[in-house]
Amino acid sequence: MPITKSAKKALRQNIKRRKRNLLRKKKIKDLIKEIKDLVAEKKIEEAKKLLPQLYKALDKAAKVGTIKKSTAARKKSRITKFVLQAP
């Protein structure tokens, strides 16, 4: 356990940031999963409607440092390619 005042504050900040980061990552994973499920069910138009939400979540996560910028770009690229190439 932290002893100094600054270490206690750092621990509180760490806990808050961890929760926030986990929520952002979970939202991204859930959206990707939902899009993949829709494509599997041949509901391409509905999947395309979810893309802007996913882009927003990825961009926000990259902006605040939850994930890296290139990771967000890669995920956006791959999921878009997946949706557009769906039969």
PDB file of N, CA and C in Angstrom:
ATOM      1  N   MET A   1       0.837  -1.193   0.000  1.00  0.00           N
ATOM      2  CA  MET A   1       0.000   0.000   0.000  1.00  0.00           C
ATOM      3  C   MET A   1       0.876   1.250   0.000  1.00  0.00           C
ATOM      4  N   PRO A   2       0.398   2.295  -0.662  1.00  0.00           N
ATOM      5  CA  PRO A   2       1.178   3.535  -0.695  1.00  0.00           C
ATOM      6  C   PRO A   2       1.245   4.176   0.687  1.00  0.00           C
ATOM      7  N   ILE A   3       2.339   4.843   0.913  1.00  0.00           N
ATOM      8  CA  ILE A   3       2.551   5.462   2.216  1.00  0.00           C
ATOM      9  C   ILE A   3       2.461   6.978   2.125  1.00  0.00           C
ATOM     10  N   THR A   4       3.175   7.558   1.181  1.00  0.00           N
ATOM     11  CA  THR A   4       3.177   9.018   1.065  1.00  0.00           C
ATOM     12  C   THR A   4       1.865   9.514   0.459  1.00  0.00           C
ATOM     13  N   LYS A   5       1.598  10.784   0.706  1.00  0.00           N
ATOM     14  CA  LYS A   5       0.376  11.413   0.211  1.00  0.00           C
ATOM     15  C   LYS A   5       0.320  11.375  -1.319  1.00  0.00           C
ATOM     16  N   SER A   6       1.448  11.657  -1.942  1.00  0.00           N
ATOM     17  CA  SER A   6       1.479  11.672  -3.414  1.00  0.00           C
ATOM     18  C   SER A   6       1.276  10.275  -3.994  1.00  0.00           C
ATOM     19  N   ALA A   7       1.793   9.260  -3.307  1.00  0.00           N
ATOM     20  CA  ALA A   7       1.611   7.884  -3.772  1.00  0.00           C
ATOM     21  C   ALA A   7       0.149   7.465  -3.651  1.00  0.00           C
ATOM     22  N   LYS A   8      -0.519   7.934  -2.598  1.00  0.00           N
ATOM     23  CA  LYS A   8      -1.941   7.620  -2.424  1.00  0.00           C
ATOM     24  C   LYS A   8      -2.765   8.248  -3.537  1.00  0.00           C
ATOM     25  N   LYS A   9      -2.433   9.500  -3.863  1.00  0.00           N
ATOM     26  CA  LYS A   9      -3.140  10.189  -4.941  1.00  0.00           C
ATOM     27  C   LYS A   9      -2.881   9.490  -6.273  1.00  0.00           C
ATOM     28  N   ALA A  10      -1.639   9.095  -6.497  1.00  0.00           N
ATOM     29  CA  ALA A  10      -1.292   8.402  -7.739  1.00  0.00           C
ATOM     30  C   ALA A  10      -2.084   7.105  -7.867  1.00  0.00           C
ATOM     31  N   LEU A  11      -2.266   6.404  -6.771  1.00  0.00           N
ATOM     32  CA  LEU A  11      -3.044   5.164  -6.791  1.00  0.00           C
ATOM     33  C   LEU A  11      -4.504   5.447  -7.143  1.00  0.00           C
ATOM     34  N   ARG A  12      -5.070   6.499  -6.547  1.00  0.00           N
ATOM     35  CA  ARG A  12      -6.461   6.866  -6.864  1.00  0.00           C
ATOM     36  C   ARG A  12      -6.593   7.191  -8.361  1.00  0.00           C
ATOM     37  N   GLN A  13      -5.640   7.960  -8.877  1.00  0.00           N
ATOM     38  CA  GLN A  13      -5.688   8.319 -10.293  1.00  0.00           C
ATOM     39  C   GLN A  13      -5.578   7.084 -11.169  1.00  0.00           C
ATOM     40  N   ASN A  14      -4.683   6.188 -10.775  1.00  0.00           N
ATOM     41  CA  ASN A  14      -4.466   4.969 -11.541  1.00  0.00           C
ATOM     42  C   ASN A  14      -5.750   4.146 -11.621  1.00  0.00           C
ATOM     43  N   ILE A  15      -6.446   4.020 -10.499  1.00  0.00           N
ATOM     44  CA  ILE A  15      -7.692   3.240 -10.458  1.00  0.00           C
ATOM     45  C   ILE A  15      -8.752   3.863 -11.365  1.00  0.00           C
ATOM     46  N   LYS A  16      -8.898   5.193 -11.298  1.00  0.00           N
ATOM     47  CA  LYS A  16      -9.880   5.890 -12.141  1.00  0.00           C
ATOM     48  C   LYS A  16      -9.559   5.714 -13.617  1.00  0.00           C
ATOM     49  N   ARG A  17      -8.304   5.909 -13.964  1.00  0.00           N
ATOM     50  CA  ARG A  17      -7.893   5.808 -15.365  1.00  0.00           C
ATOM     51  C   ARG A  17      -8.062   4.395 -15.886  1.00  0.00           C
ATOM     52  N   ARG A  18      -7.750   3.420 -15.048  1.00  0.00           N
ATOM     53  CA  ARG A  18      -7.897   2.022 -15.452  1.00  0.00           C
ATOM     54  C   ARG A  18      -9.352   1.708 -15.773  1.00  0.00           C
ATOM     55  N   LYS A  19     -10.272   2.146 -14.916  1.00  0.00           N
ATOM     56  CA  LYS A  19     -11.697   1.914 -15.163  1.00  0.00           C
ATOM     57  C   LYS A  19     -12.127   2.542 -16.486  1.00  0.00           C
ATOM     58  N   ARG A  20     -11.694   3.798 -16.671  1.00  0.00           N
ATOM     59  CA  ARG A  20     -12.060   4.534 -17.877  1.00  0.00           C
ATOM     60  C   ARG A  20     -11.512   3.839 -19.126  1.00  0.00           C
ATOM     61  N   ASN A  21     -10.256   3.423 -19.053  1.00  0.00           N
ATOM     62  CA  ASN A  21      -9.630   2.754 -20.194  1.00  0.00           C
ATOM     63  C   ASN A  21     -10.300   1.419 -20.499  1.00  0.00           C
ATOM     64  N   LEU A  22     -10.626   0.670 -19.462  1.00  0.00           N
ATOM     65  CA  LEU A  22     -11.284  -0.625 -19.672  1.00  0.00           C
ATOM     66  C   LEU A  22     -12.663  -0.442 -20.294  1.00  0.00           C
ATOM     67  N   LEU A  23     -13.388   0.603 -19.873  1.00  0.00           N
ATOM     68  CA  LEU A  23     -14.697   0.875 -20.468  1.00  0.00           C
ATOM     69  C   LEU A  23     -14.569   1.203 -21.954  1.00  0.00           C
ATOM     70  N   ARG A  24     -13.574   2.035 -22.278  1.00  0.00           N
ATOM     71  CA  ARG A  24     -13.379   2.398 -23.690  1.00  0.00           C
ATOM     72  C   ARG A  24     -13.023   1.176 -24.521  1.00  0.00           C
ATOM     73  N   LYS A  25     -12.120   0.341 -24.012  1.00  0.00           N
ATOM     74  CA  LYS A  25     -11.718  -0.854 -24.754  1.00  0.00           C
ATOM     75  C   LYS A  25     -12.888  -1.812 -24.913  1.00  0.00           C
ATOM     76  N   LYS A  26     -13.695  -1.944 -23.875  1.00  0.00           N
ATOM     77  CA  LYS A  26     -14.845  -2.845 -23.940  1.00  0.00           C
ATOM     78  C   LYS A  26     -15.851  -2.353 -24.985  1.00  0.00           C
ATOM     79  N   LYS A  27     -16.065  -1.047 -25.029  1.00  0.00           N
ATOM     80  CA  LYS A  27     -16.993  -0.485 -26.015  1.00  0.00           C
ATOM     81  C   LYS A  27     -16.511  -0.790 -27.437  1.00  0.00           C
ATOM     82  N   ILE A  28     -15.205  -0.628 -27.656  1.00  0.00           N
ATOM     83  CA  ILE A  28     -14.633  -0.909 -28.971  1.00  0.00           C
ATOM     84  C   ILE A  28     -14.824  -2.382 -29.327  1.00  0.00           C
ATOM     85  N   LYS A  29     -14.498  -3.263 -28.392  1.00  0.00           N
ATOM     86  CA  LYS A  29     -14.630  -4.699 -28.647  1.00  0.00           C
ATOM     87  C   LYS A  29     -16.082  -5.079 -28.918  1.00  0.00           C
ATOM     88  N   ASP A  30     -17.005  -4.506 -28.146  1.00  0.00           N
ATOM     89  CA  ASP A  30     -18.423  -4.815 -28.337  1.00  0.00           C
ATOM     90  C   ASP A  30     -18.918  -4.358 -29.708  1.00  0.00           C
ATOM     91  N   LEU A  31     -18.504  -3.157 -30.127  1.00  0.00           N
ATOM     92  CA  LEU A  31     -18.917  -2.648 -31.438  1.00  0.00           C
ATOM     93  C   LEU A  31     -18.363  -3.517 -32.561  1.00  0.00           C
ATOM     94  N   ILE A  32     -17.091  -3.905 -32.447  1.00  0.00           N
ATOM     95  CA  ILE A  32     -16.487  -4.755 -33.480  1.00  0.00           C
ATOM     96  C   ILE A  32     -17.224  -6.086 -33.553  1.00  0.00           C
ATOM     97  N   LYS A  33     -17.515  -6.658 -32.392  1.00  0.00           N
ATOM     98  CA  LYS A  33     -18.223  -7.930 -32.348  1.00  0.00           C
ATOM     99  C   LYS A  33     -19.617  -7.791 -32.969  1.00  0.00           C
ATOM    100  N   GLU A  34     -20.297  -6.702 -32.648  1.00  0.00           N
ATOM    101  CA  GLU A  34     -21.641  -6.480 -33.185  1.00  0.00           C
ATOM    102  C   GLU A  34     -21.606  -6.335 -34.710  1.00  0.00           C
ATOM    103  N   ILE A  35     -20.623  -5.600 -35.214  1.00  0.00           N
ATOM    104  CA  ILE A  35     -20.488  -5.425 -36.658  1.00  0.00           C
ATOM    105  C   ILE A  35     -20.215  -6.764 -37.329  1.00  0.00           C
ATOM    106  N   LYS A  36     -19.314  -7.558 -36.763  1.00  0.00           N
ATOM    107  CA  LYS A  36     -18.997  -8.865 -37.348  1.00  0.00           C
ATOM    108  C   LYS A  36     -20.215  -9.781 -37.332  1.00  0.00           C
ATOM    109  N   ASP A  37     -20.995  -9.732 -36.264  1.00  0.00           N
ATOM    110  CA  ASP A  37     -22.210 -10.544 -36.193  1.00  0.00           C
ATOM    111  C   ASP A  37     -23.214 -10.126 -37.262  1.00  0.00           C
ATOM    112  N   LEU A  38     -23.369  -8.815 -37.451  1.00  0.00           N
ATOM    113  CA  LEU A  38     -24.301  -8.323 -38.473  1.00  0.00           C
ATOM    114  C   LEU A  38     -23.861  -8.758 -39.873  1.00  0.00           C
ATOM    115  N   VAL A  39     -22.562  -8.696 -40.131  1.00  0.00           N
ATOM    116  CA  VAL A  39     -22.053  -9.123 -41.444  1.00  0.00           C
ATOM    117  C   VAL A  39     -22.301 -10.616 -41.628  1.00  0.00           C
ATOM    118  N   ALA A  40     -22.113 -11.382 -40.578  1.00  0.00           N
ATOM    119  CA  ALA A  40     -22.349 -12.824 -40.656  1.00  0.00           C
ATOM    120  C   ALA A  40     -23.812 -13.129 -40.952  1.00  0.00           C
ATOM    121  N   GLU A  41     -24.697 -12.266 -40.470  1.00  0.00           N
ATOM    122  CA  GLU A  41     -26.130 -12.427 -40.720  1.00  0.00           C
ATOM    123  C   GLU A  41     -26.562 -11.757 -42.017  1.00  0.00           C
ATOM    124  N   LYS A  42     -25.602 -11.286 -42.785  1.00  0.00           N
ATOM    125  CA  LYS A  42     -25.853 -10.628 -44.091  1.00  0.00           C
ATOM    126  C   LYS A  42     -26.615  -9.314 -43.957  1.00  0.00           C
ATOM    127  N   LYS A  43     -26.477  -8.645 -42.814  1.00  0.00           N
ATOM    128  CA  LYS A  43     -27.114  -7.336 -42.603  1.00  0.00           C
ATOM    129  C   LYS A  43     -26.050  -6.257 -42.779  1.00  0.00           C
ATOM    130  N   ILE A  44     -25.618  -6.098 -44.017  1.00  0.00           N
ATOM    131  CA  ILE A  44     -24.503  -5.215 -44.334  1.00  0.00           C
ATOM    132  C   ILE A  44     -24.837  -3.747 -44.070  1.00  0.00           C
ATOM    133  N   GLU A  45     -26.052  -3.340 -44.419  1.00  0.00           N
ATOM    134  CA  GLU A  45     -26.439  -1.937 -44.235  1.00  0.00           C
ATOM    135  C   GLU A  45     -26.426  -1.546 -42.758  1.00  0.00           C
ATOM    136  N   GLU A  46     -26.905  -2.435 -41.916  1.00  0.00           N
ATOM    137  CA  GLU A  46     -26.900  -2.152 -40.478  1.00  0.00           C
ATOM    138  C   GLU A  46     -25.474  -2.074 -39.954  1.00  0.00           C
ATOM    139  N   ALA A  47     -24.610  -2.935 -40.476  1.00  0.00           N
ATOM    140  CA  ALA A  47     -23.196  -2.921 -40.072  1.00  0.00           C
ATOM    141  C   ALA A  47     -22.554  -1.599 -40.491  1.00  0.00           C
ATOM    142  N   LYS A  48     -22.897  -1.116 -41.683  1.00  0.00           N
ATOM    143  CA  LYS A  48     -22.341   0.151 -42.163  1.00  0.00           C
ATOM    144  C   LYS A  48     -22.797   1.323 -41.291  1.00  0.00           C
ATOM    145  N   LYS A  49     -24.004   1.219 -40.747  1.00  0.00           N
ATOM    146  CA  LYS A  49     -24.508   2.284 -39.885  1.00  0.00           C
ATOM    147  C   LYS A  49     -23.768   2.327 -38.545  1.00  0.00           C
ATOM    148  N   LEU A  50     -23.200   1.200 -38.131  1.00  0.00           N
ATOM    149  CA  LEU A  50     -22.454   1.155 -36.871  1.00  0.00           C
ATOM    150  C   LEU A  50     -21.012   1.638 -37.020  1.00  0.00           C
ATOM    151  N   LEU A  51     -20.515   1.697 -38.262  1.00  0.00           N
ATOM    152  CA  LEU A  51     -19.122   2.106 -38.478  1.00  0.00           C
ATOM    153  C   LEU A  51     -18.791   3.478 -37.893  1.00  0.00           C
ATOM    154  N   PRO A  52     -19.625   4.508 -38.083  1.00  0.00           N
ATOM    155  CA  PRO A  52     -19.279   5.809 -37.488  1.00  0.00           C
ATOM    156  C   PRO A  52     -19.145   5.773 -35.970  1.00  0.00           C
ATOM    157  N   GLN A  53     -19.972   4.968 -35.316  1.00  0.00           N
ATOM    158  CA  GLN A  53     -19.858   4.835 -33.864  1.00  0.00           C
ATOM    159  C   GLN A  53     -18.527   4.209 -33.478  1.00  0.00           C
ATOM    160  N   LEU A  54     -18.125   3.200 -34.246  1.00  0.00           N
ATOM    161  CA  LEU A  54     -16.845   2.547 -33.980  1.00  0.00           C
ATOM    162  C   LEU A  54     -15.692   3.509 -34.233  1.00  0.00           C
ATOM    163  N   TYR A  55     -15.763   4.262 -35.341  1.00  0.00           N
ATOM    164  CA  TYR A  55     -14.709   5.239 -35.646  1.00  0.00           C
ATOM    165  C   TYR A  55     -14.577   6.248 -34.507  1.00  0.00           C
ATOM    166  N   LYS A  56     -15.709   6.717 -34.007  1.00  0.00           N
ATOM    167  CA  LYS A  56     -15.695   7.704 -32.933  1.00  0.00           C
ATOM    168  C   LYS A  56     -15.037   7.130 -31.679  1.00  0.00           C
ATOM    169  N   ALA A  57     -15.418   5.902 -31.335  1.00  0.00           N
ATOM    170  CA  ALA A  57     -14.852   5.264 -30.143  1.00  0.00           C
ATOM    171  C   ALA A  57     -13.350   5.049 -30.297  1.00  0.00           C
ATOM    172  N   LEU A  58     -12.921   4.611 -31.484  1.00  0.00           N
ATOM    173  CA  LEU A  58     -11.495   4.376 -31.725  1.00  0.00           C
ATOM    174  C   LEU A  58     -10.712   5.678 -31.697  1.00  0.00           C
ATOM    175  N   ASP A  59     -11.246   6.704 -32.344  1.00  0.00           N
ATOM    176  CA  ASP A  59     -10.551   7.994 -32.377  1.00  0.00           C
ATOM    177  C   ASP A  59     -10.425   8.588 -30.980  1.00  0.00           C
ATOM    178  N   LYS A  60     -11.476   8.483 -30.191  1.00  0.00           N
ATOM    179  CA  LYS A  60     -11.448   9.008 -28.833  1.00  0.00           C
ATOM    180  C   LYS A  60     -10.422   8.245 -27.985  1.00  0.00           C
ATOM    181  N   ALA A  61     -10.417   6.932 -28.112  1.00  0.00           N
ATOM    182  CA  ALA A  61      -9.469   6.117 -27.345  1.00  0.00           C
ATOM    183  C   ALA A  61      -8.027   6.447 -27.733  1.00  0.00           C
ATOM    184  N   ALA A  62      -7.801   6.680 -29.018  1.00  0.00           N
ATOM    185  CA  ALA A  62      -6.459   7.026 -29.475  1.00  0.00           C
ATOM    186  C   ALA A  62      -6.067   8.425 -29.001  1.00  0.00           C
ATOM    187  N   LYS A  63      -7.045   9.328 -29.022  1.00  0.00           N
ATOM    188  CA  LYS A  63      -6.774  10.710 -28.633  1.00  0.00           C
ATOM    189  C   LYS A  63      -6.346  10.814 -27.171  1.00  0.00           C
ATOM    190  N   VAL A  64      -7.005  10.072 -26.304  1.00  0.00           N
ATOM    191  CA  VAL A  64      -6.712  10.165 -24.875  1.00  0.00           C
ATOM    192  C   VAL A  64      -5.642   9.179 -24.418  1.00  0.00           C
ATOM    193  N   GLY A  65      -5.144   8.347 -25.334  1.00  0.00           N
ATOM    194  CA  GLY A  65      -4.019   7.480 -25.007  1.00  0.00           C
ATOM    195  C   GLY A  65      -4.375   6.094 -24.523  1.00  0.00           C
ATOM    196  N   THR A  66      -5.631   5.705 -24.639  1.00  0.00           N
ATOM    197  CA  THR A  66      -6.022   4.353 -24.239  1.00  0.00           C
ATOM    198  C   THR A  66      -5.404   3.331 -25.184  1.00  0.00           C
ATOM    199  N   ILE A  67      -5.462   3.629 -26.474  1.00  0.00           N
ATOM    200  CA  ILE A  67      -4.778   2.804 -27.469  1.00  0.00           C
ATOM    201  C   ILE A  67      -3.917   3.735 -28.315  1.00  0.00           C
ATOM    202  N   LYS A  68      -2.989   3.151 -29.064  1.00  0.00           N
ATOM    203  CA  LYS A  68      -2.123   3.970 -29.894  1.00  0.00           C
ATOM    204  C   LYS A  68      -2.835   4.370 -31.180  1.00  0.00           C
ATOM    205  N   LYS A  69      -2.367   5.444 -31.754  1.00  0.00           N
ATOM    206  CA  LYS A  69      -2.968   6.003 -32.969  1.00  0.00           C
ATOM    207  C   LYS A  69      -2.967   4.982 -34.112  1.00  0.00           C
ATOM    208  N   SER A  70      -1.846   4.281 -34.272  1.00  0.00           N
ATOM    209  CA  SER A  70      -1.743   3.314 -35.367  1.00  0.00           C
ATOM    210  C   SER A  70      -2.638   2.097 -35.128  1.00  0.00           C
ATOM    211  N   THR A  71      -2.859   1.752 -33.872  1.00  0.00           N
ATOM    212  CA  THR A  71      -3.761   0.644 -33.547  1.00  0.00           C
ATOM    213  C   THR A  71      -5.186   1.010 -33.952  1.00  0.00           C
ATOM    214  N   ALA A  72      -5.582   2.235 -33.659  1.00  0.00           N
ATOM    215  CA  ALA A  72      -6.916   2.697 -34.043  1.00  0.00           C
ATOM    216  C   ALA A  72      -7.065   2.684 -35.561  1.00  0.00           C
ATOM    217  N   ALA A  73      -6.047   3.175 -36.253  1.00  0.00           N
ATOM    218  CA  ALA A  73      -6.093   3.208 -37.716  1.00  0.00           C
ATOM    219  C   ALA A  73      -6.186   1.800 -38.292  1.00  0.00           C
ATOM    220  N   ARG A  74      -5.422   0.875 -37.725  1.00  0.00           N
ATOM    221  CA  ARG A  74      -5.435  -0.511 -38.207  1.00  0.00           C
ATOM    222  C   ARG A  74      -6.798  -1.150 -37.999  1.00  0.00           C
ATOM    223  N   LYS A  75      -7.374  -0.950 -36.818  1.00  0.00           N
ATOM    224  CA  LYS A  75      -8.686  -1.532 -36.531  1.00  0.00           C
ATOM    225  C   LYS A  75      -9.752  -0.961 -37.461  1.00  0.00           C
ATOM    226  N   LYS A  76      -9.716   0.364 -37.685  1.00  0.00           N
ATOM    227  CA  LYS A  76     -10.679   1.002 -38.581  1.00  0.00           C
ATOM    228  C   LYS A  76     -10.540   0.446 -39.987  1.00  0.00           C
ATOM    229  N   SER A  77      -9.319   0.325 -40.441  1.00  0.00           N
ATOM    230  CA  SER A  77      -9.065  -0.167 -41.787  1.00  0.00           C
ATOM    231  C   SER A  77      -9.565  -1.594 -41.968  1.00  0.00           C
ATOM    232  N   ARG A  78      -9.229  -2.452 -41.029  1.00  0.00           N
ATOM    233  CA  ARG A  78      -9.595  -3.865 -41.158  1.00  0.00           C
ATOM    234  C   ARG A  78     -11.097  -4.091 -41.073  1.00  0.00           C
ATOM    235  N   ILE A  79     -11.760  -3.383 -40.171  1.00  0.00           N
ATOM    236  CA  ILE A  79     -13.207  -3.611 -40.021  1.00  0.00           C
ATOM    237  C   ILE A  79     -13.954  -3.038 -41.229  1.00  0.00           C
ATOM    238  N   THR A  80     -13.465  -1.911 -41.768  1.00  0.00           N
ATOM    239  CA  THR A  80     -14.097  -1.331 -42.957  1.00  0.00           C
ATOM    240  C   THR A  80     -13.938  -2.272 -44.152  1.00  0.00           C
ATOM    241  N   LYS A  81     -12.737  -2.792 -44.319  1.00  0.00           N
ATOM    242  CA  LYS A  81     -12.476  -3.737 -45.401  1.00  0.00           C
ATOM    243  C   LYS A  81     -13.363  -4.964 -45.248  1.00  0.00           C
ATOM    244  N   PHE A  82     -13.520  -5.440 -44.008  1.00  0.00           N
ATOM    245  CA  PHE A  82     -14.348  -6.603 -43.730  1.00  0.00           C
ATOM    246  C   PHE A  82     -15.801  -6.360 -44.114  1.00  0.00           C
ATOM    247  N   VAL A  83     -16.315  -5.178 -43.779  1.00  0.00           N
ATOM    248  CA  VAL A  83     -17.717  -4.866 -44.078  1.00  0.00           C
ATOM    249  C   VAL A  83     -17.923  -4.682 -45.579  1.00  0.00           C
ATOM    250  N   LEU A  84     -17.016  -3.976 -46.230  1.00  0.00           N
ATOM    251  CA  LEU A  84     -17.194  -3.678 -47.658  1.00  0.00           C
ATOM    252  C   LEU A  84     -16.982  -4.882 -48.557  1.00  0.00           C
ATOM    253  N   GLN A  85     -16.172  -5.846 -48.103  1.00  0.00           N
ATOM    254  CA  GLN A  85     -15.933  -7.029 -48.926  1.00  0.00           C
ATOM    255  C   GLN A  85     -16.892  -8.167 -48.620  1.00  0.00           C
ATOM    256  N   ALA A  86     -17.822  -7.925 -47.716  1.00  0.00           N
ATOM    257  CA  ALA A  86     -18.778  -8.972 -47.361  1.00  0.00           C
ATOM    258  C   ALA A  86     -19.661  -9.266 -48.565  1.00  0.00           C
ATOM    259  N   PRO A  87     -19.905 -10.534 -48.824  1.00  0.00           N
ATOM    260  CA  PRO A  87     -20.721 -10.910 -49.995  1.00  0.00           C
ATOM    261  C   PRO A  87     -22.184 -10.567 -49.828  1.00  0.00           C
TER     262      PRO A  87
END
